[in-house]
Amino acid sequence: MKQSGLIILASQSRARRALLRGAGLEFETIAADLDEASIRSEAKKNGDTVSHTALSLAQEKARIVSSVHPDHYIIGADQILDLAGQLFEKPGNLDGARQQLLQLCGRTHRLHSAICVVKNNNILWSHVTHAHMTMRQFDADFLEDYLDAAGSEIFDCVGCYQLEGSGAHLFDDIDGDYFSILGLPLLALLSFLRTIDVIN
């Protein structure tokens, strides 16, 4: 694969970086300084859908980075977990992770994964995927063992699961794109980058 054009991932997500590296892309990583809570709050006031909110967050992240890095292709991404209308954010700590997993246990939630590409502050492309994920019924011992094994990395993951690792044991059923669940609709992104000749 050949690449032309400079790419920046507007995220510090370990999983997103790994996906892009695995696909052979050359890129920089610059996280956007963004008040996500205020955007979510405004979206709720406006009655925006969850998908629209996730896409707005992805686009704003990309635009912020694009404003100081012209002529680069900026990839923005965001995920929102929706459990029967309750929207989850990254737990941030062990207690938050435990509470999220207890709420998700034995239930089906919907994961909205949004992505966009921005250049010179113009949105060139955007895309949203959805996954329906049914978490199995597990007991307290399993939960504590999982939290110990997964470590602090899950504190920065909405839903506290890493499907590429021990998080696979949390689920009974998943209906959705694997890459999107990890944080990046990779196949759709690669397809777009080929249409604009950034990769061949």
Protein backbone atom coordinates (compact mmCIF):
# COMPACT_ATOMS: atom_id res chain seq x y z
CA MET A 1 0.00 0.00 0.00
CA LYS A 2 1.25 3.47 -0.90
CA GLN A 3 0.17 6.58 0.95
CA SER A 4 0.10 10.21 -0.15
CA GLY A 5 -1.04 13.00 2.15
CA LEU A 6 -0.37 13.69 5.80
CA ILE A 7 -2.75 12.10 8.29
CA ILE A 8 -3.43 13.09 11.90
CA LEU A 9 -5.59 11.06 14.27
CA ALA A 10 -7.37 13.51 16.60
CA SER A 11 -7.42 11.00 19.45
CA GLN A 12 -5.07 9.41 21.96
CA SER A 13 -7.07 6.17 21.95
CA ARG A 14 -4.76 3.18 22.16
CA ALA A 15 -7.20 1.00 20.19
CA ARG A 16 -7.61 3.54 17.38
CA ARG A 17 -3.86 3.98 17.06
CA ALA A 18 -3.41 0.21 16.90
CA LEU A 19 -6.05 -0.16 14.19
CA LEU A 20 -4.46 2.50 11.97
CA ARG A 21 -0.98 1.07 12.51
CA GLY A 22 -2.24 -2.42 11.75
CA ALA A 23 -3.68 -1.16 8.48
CA GLY A 24 -0.27 0.21 7.52
CA LEU A 25 -1.15 3.91 7.69
CA GLU A 26 1.44 6.52 8.60
CA PHE A 27 0.00 9.15 10.91
CA GLU A 28 0.56 11.50 13.82
CA THR A 29 -1.58 11.57 16.94
CA ILE A 30 -2.82 14.87 18.38
CA ALA A 31 -5.70 14.88 20.85
CA ALA A 32 -8.17 17.74 20.58
CA ASP A 33 -8.75 19.94 23.63
CA LEU A 34 -12.53 19.71 23.73
CA ASP A 35 -15.23 20.18 26.37
CA GLU A 36 -17.22 17.09 25.46
CA ALA A 37 -19.65 17.50 28.35
CA SER A 38 -20.88 20.88 27.11
CA ILE A 39 -21.41 19.55 23.58
CA ARG A 40 -23.36 16.57 24.92
CA SER A 41 -25.43 18.88 27.12
CA GLU A 42 -26.23 21.21 24.22
CA ALA A 43 -27.13 18.26 22.00
CA LYS A 44 -29.54 16.98 24.65
CA LYS A 45 -31.20 20.41 24.91
CA ASN A 46 -31.60 20.49 21.13
CA GLY A 47 -33.09 17.00 21.07
CA ASP A 48 -30.33 15.65 18.84
CA THR A 49 -30.17 11.92 18.22
CA VAL A 50 -27.37 9.92 19.81
CA SER A 51 -25.82 9.29 16.38
CA HIS A 52 -25.86 13.02 15.59
CA THR A 53 -24.24 13.80 18.95
CA ALA A 54 -21.46 11.28 18.39
CA LEU A 55 -20.83 12.68 14.91
CA SER A 56 -20.82 16.26 16.21
CA LEU A 57 -18.16 15.31 18.75
CA ALA A 58 -16.04 13.56 16.12
CA GLN A 59 -16.29 16.53 13.76
CA GLU A 60 -15.47 19.08 16.43
CA LYS A 61 -12.39 17.13 17.50
CA ALA A 62 -11.17 17.01 13.90
CA ARG A 63 -11.89 20.69 13.28
CA ILE A 64 -9.95 21.77 16.36
CA VAL A 65 -6.86 19.89 15.21
CA SER A 66 -7.37 20.98 11.58
CA SER A 67 -7.37 24.64 12.60
CA VAL A 68 -3.70 24.39 13.62
CA HIS A 69 -2.61 21.76 11.11
CA PRO A 70 -3.69 22.90 7.64
CA ASP A 71 -3.23 20.64 4.63
CA HIS A 72 -3.41 17.51 6.80
CA TYR A 73 -6.18 14.93 6.70
CA ILE A 74 -7.59 14.89 10.22
CA ILE A 75 -9.46 11.81 11.44
CA GLY A 76 -11.98 12.53 14.18
CA ALA A 77 -13.85 9.77 16.01
CA ASP A 78 -16.23 9.35 18.92
CA GLN A 79 -18.36 6.66 20.55
CA ILE A 80 -21.49 6.89 22.66
CA LEU A 81 -23.04 3.97 24.51
CA ASP A 82 -26.83 4.04 24.79
CA LEU A 83 -28.56 1.78 27.32
CA ALA A 84 -32.31 2.28 26.98
CA GLY A 85 -31.85 6.03 26.62
CA GLN A 86 -29.15 6.38 29.26
CA LEU A 87 -25.91 7.61 27.70
CA PHE A 88 -22.64 6.43 29.18
CA GLU A 89 -19.31 8.25 29.28
CA LYS A 90 -15.83 6.97 30.11
CA PRO A 91 -15.90 5.83 33.74
CA GLY A 92 -12.54 7.36 34.69
CA ASN A 93 -11.89 5.14 37.71
CA LEU A 94 -12.43 1.69 39.20
CA ASP A 95 -15.70 2.49 40.97
CA GLY A 96 -17.11 4.02 37.80
CA ALA A 97 -16.09 0.97 35.77
CA ARG A 98 -17.70 -1.38 38.28
CA GLN A 99 -20.96 0.59 38.22
CA GLN A 100 -21.09 0.68 34.42
CA LEU A 101 -20.58 -3.05 34.11
CA LEU A 102 -23.21 -3.79 36.75
CA GLN A 103 -25.70 -1.67 34.81
CA LEU A 104 -24.85 -3.37 31.51
CA CYS A 105 -24.83 -6.91 32.93
CA GLY A 106 -27.49 -9.13 31.33
CA ARG A 107 -28.78 -6.34 29.06
CA THR A 108 -28.46 -5.20 25.45
CA HIS A 109 -27.05 -1.78 24.68
CA ARG A 110 -26.37 0.13 21.47
CA LEU A 111 -22.93 1.52 20.63
CA HIS A 112 -22.77 4.46 18.21
CA SER A 113 -19.37 4.90 16.52
CA ALA A 114 -18.83 8.08 14.51
CA ILE A 115 -15.91 9.03 12.29
CA CYS A 116 -15.06 11.89 9.95
CA VAL A 117 -12.19 13.21 7.86
CA VAL A 118 -11.51 16.95 7.82
CA LYS A 119 -9.01 18.98 5.81
CA ASN A 120 -8.48 22.73 6.07
CA ASN A 121 -11.46 22.81 8.42
CA ASN A 122 -13.77 21.32 5.78
CA ILE A 123 -15.61 18.07 6.46
CA LEU A 124 -14.72 15.79 3.56
CA TRP A 125 -16.54 12.70 4.79
CA SER A 126 -18.43 11.38 7.80
CA HIS A 127 -19.87 8.03 8.79
CA VAL A 128 -21.75 6.49 11.74
CA THR A 129 -22.15 2.80 12.55
CA HIS A 130 -24.18 1.04 15.23
CA ALA A 131 -23.65 -2.18 17.15
CA HIS A 132 -26.11 -4.01 19.38
CA MET A 133 -24.24 -5.71 22.19
CA THR A 134 -25.72 -8.13 24.70
CA MET A 135 -23.71 -8.55 27.86
CA ARG A 136 -24.08 -11.87 29.62
CA GLN A 137 -25.28 -12.33 33.16
CA PHE A 138 -22.17 -12.63 35.33
CA ASP A 139 -21.62 -12.84 39.06
CA ALA A 140 -19.69 -10.59 41.43
CA ASP A 141 -16.61 -12.84 41.48
CA PHE A 142 -16.30 -12.75 37.70
CA LEU A 143 -16.70 -8.97 37.70
CA GLU A 144 -13.88 -8.46 40.21
CA ASP A 145 -11.63 -10.91 38.39
CA TYR A 146 -12.32 -9.08 35.12
CA LEU A 147 -11.58 -5.68 36.64
CA ASP A 148 -8.31 -6.97 38.09
CA ALA A 149 -7.23 -8.52 34.79
CA ALA A 150 -8.28 -5.63 32.56
CA GLY A 151 -6.48 -2.97 34.58
CA SER A 152 -6.79 0.79 34.43
CA GLU A 153 -6.88 0.91 30.61
CA ILE A 154 -10.62 0.23 30.67
CA PHE A 155 -11.22 3.44 32.64
CA ASP A 156 -10.82 5.34 29.37
CA CYS A 157 -13.21 3.04 27.46
CA VAL A 158 -16.94 3.70 27.44
CA GLY A 159 -18.58 0.50 28.61
CA CYS A 160 -15.29 -0.69 30.12
CA TYR A 161 -14.79 -3.51 27.64
CA GLN A 162 -11.89 -4.23 25.32
CA LEU A 163 -13.25 -6.70 22.83
CA GLU A 164 -9.78 -7.52 21.54
CA GLY A 165 -8.86 -8.86 24.98
CA SER A 166 -10.57 -10.27 28.05
CA GLY A 167 -13.64 -8.11 27.37
CA ALA A 168 -14.82 -10.79 24.93
CA HIS A 169 -15.83 -12.84 27.99
CA LEU A 170 -18.41 -10.21 28.93
CA PHE A 171 -20.73 -10.89 26.00
CA ASP A 172 -23.33 -13.40 24.86
CA ASP A 173 -24.02 -11.77 21.50
CA ILE A 174 -22.76 -8.92 19.33
CA ASP A 175 -24.37 -7.58 16.17
CA GLY A 176 -22.06 -5.03 14.59
CA ASP A 177 -18.74 -4.26 12.96
CA TYR A 178 -15.76 -5.41 15.03
CA PHE A 179 -13.50 -2.48 14.08
CA SER A 180 -16.23 0.03 14.88
CA ILE A 181 -16.71 -1.48 18.33
CA LEU A 182 -12.99 -1.04 18.96
CA GLY A 183 -13.43 2.65 18.18
CA LEU A 184 -12.89 3.17 14.45
CA PRO A 185 -15.03 2.09 11.45
CA LEU A 186 -11.83 1.08 9.70
CA LEU A 187 -13.15 -0.48 6.49
CA ALA A 188 -15.31 2.54 5.69
CA LEU A 189 -12.38 4.86 6.43
CA LEU A 190 -9.97 2.96 4.20
CA SER A 191 -12.55 2.93 1.41
CA PHE A 192 -12.91 6.71 1.62
CA LEU A 193 -9.15 7.31 1.71
CA ARG A 194 -8.86 5.27 -1.48
CA THR A 195 -11.51 7.39 -3.23
CA ILE A 196 -9.45 10.54 -2.63
CA ASP A 197 -6.15 8.79 -3.52
CA VAL A 198 -4.58 9.14 -0.07
CA ILE A 199 -3.95 5.39 -0.21
CA ASN A 200 -4.12 2.99 -3.13
